[in-house]
Structures are given as structure tokens and as C-alpha cells.
Amino acid sequence: MRGYSEVMAAQPVMTAEELIERVRQAAPPTPDDVTILWDGRRLDSREAVMEWLTEVAAKRAEEAIGADVRS
């Protein structure tokens, strides 16, 4: 098997304090700073996010029912 022969510890890119400082100094978001889903939909409003979350919940419920049937 190829790979590292010894355990490698993950090193953080920056400390929490550095991240907080960068966020504090960051410019405010612009109107195009929104999440874009794989299907191209933009989560640019509370309503869009709530609609997407409803879809996610329905998909999870559908998958849970499918898992129960297979068990």
C-alpha cells in the first residue's frame, strides 16, 4: 500500500484569533456574495433558503424511509 508510513498531524492554516481578525477587517458582503447551488439556484433571500431547506428535509425523509425499507 502506498502512502505515508508515519502519522502526519494536521496543521491549521491559521489560528482562530487570526481568522477572527481577518473577518473583522473584511469588507462587507456585496450583493453577489450568495450561495449558488449545483443546479444554479441562488440562495439570495431568506425565502430562497427556507425553500431549499424544505427540499433538503423532504429528501432526507425520503432517504430515511428508503433505508428503513431496505433494513
Protein backbone atom coordinates (compact mmCIF):
# COMPACT_ATOMS: atom_id res chain seq x y z
CA MET A 1 0.00 0.00 0.00
CA ARG A 2 1.40 3.40 -0.93
CA GLY A 3 1.13 6.46 1.23
CA TYR A 4 2.70 7.95 4.26
CA SER A 5 4.35 5.48 6.58
CA GLU A 6 4.04 7.71 9.62
CA VAL A 7 1.12 9.56 11.10
CA MET A 8 1.01 13.17 9.97
CA ALA A 9 -0.60 15.69 12.26
CA ALA A 10 -2.84 18.21 10.56
CA GLN A 11 -1.62 21.75 10.95
CA PRO A 12 -4.13 24.60 10.95
CA VAL A 13 -3.69 27.19 8.23
CA MET A 14 -4.27 29.93 10.78
CA THR A 15 -5.26 30.27 14.39
CA ALA A 16 -8.79 31.12 15.49
CA GLU A 17 -7.55 34.55 16.54
CA GLU A 18 -6.09 35.17 13.07
CA LEU A 19 -9.36 34.12 11.44
CA ILE A 20 -11.38 36.40 13.72
CA GLU A 21 -9.08 39.30 12.90
CA ARG A 22 -9.37 38.70 9.16
CA VAL A 23 -13.15 38.55 9.35
CA ARG A 24 -13.21 41.71 11.46
CA GLN A 25 -11.17 43.55 8.84
CA ALA A 26 -13.08 42.16 5.86
CA ALA A 27 -15.22 44.42 3.72
CA PRO A 28 -18.99 43.98 3.99
CA PRO A 29 -20.53 41.44 1.61
CA THR A 30 -21.54 42.58 -1.85
CA PRO A 31 -24.94 41.79 -3.40
CA ASP A 32 -23.42 38.87 -5.32
CA ASP A 33 -21.97 37.22 -2.19
CA VAL A 34 -24.53 34.42 -2.10
CA THR A 35 -24.52 30.65 -2.11
CA ILE A 36 -25.13 29.18 -5.56
CA LEU A 37 -26.39 25.60 -5.62
CA TRP A 38 -25.24 22.93 -8.08
CA ASP A 39 -28.41 23.48 -10.12
CA GLY A 40 -27.68 27.21 -10.43
CA ARG A 41 -30.22 28.43 -7.91
CA ARG A 42 -29.08 31.36 -5.81
CA LEU A 43 -29.79 31.41 -2.07
CA ASP A 44 -30.05 35.18 -2.02
CA SER A 45 -33.00 35.66 0.31
CA ARG A 46 -34.49 34.18 3.44
CA GLU A 47 -37.33 32.76 1.36
CA ALA A 48 -34.94 31.02 -1.05
CA VAL A 49 -33.02 29.47 1.85
CA MET A 50 -36.21 28.31 3.58
CA GLU A 51 -37.47 26.73 0.33
CA TRP A 52 -34.16 24.91 -0.12
CA LEU A 53 -34.16 23.71 3.50
CA THR A 54 -37.68 22.33 2.99
CA GLU A 55 -36.41 20.41 -0.04
CA VAL A 56 -33.44 19.09 1.94
CA ALA A 57 -35.70 17.93 4.78
CA ALA A 58 -38.03 16.17 2.32
CA LYS A 59 -35.09 14.44 0.61
CA ARG A 60 -33.68 13.29 3.96
CA ALA A 61 -37.09 11.93 4.99
CA GLU A 62 -37.41 10.12 1.65
CA GLU A 63 -33.94 8.59 2.07
CA ALA A 64 -34.72 7.56 5.67
CA ILE A 65 -37.87 5.77 4.52
CA GLY A 66 -35.87 4.03 1.81
CA ALA A 67 -33.26 2.94 4.36
CA ASP A 68 -36.00 1.56 6.63
CA VAL A 69 -37.48 -0.46 3.78
CA ARG A 70 -34.07 -1.97 2.94
CA SER A 71 -33.40 -2.94 6.57
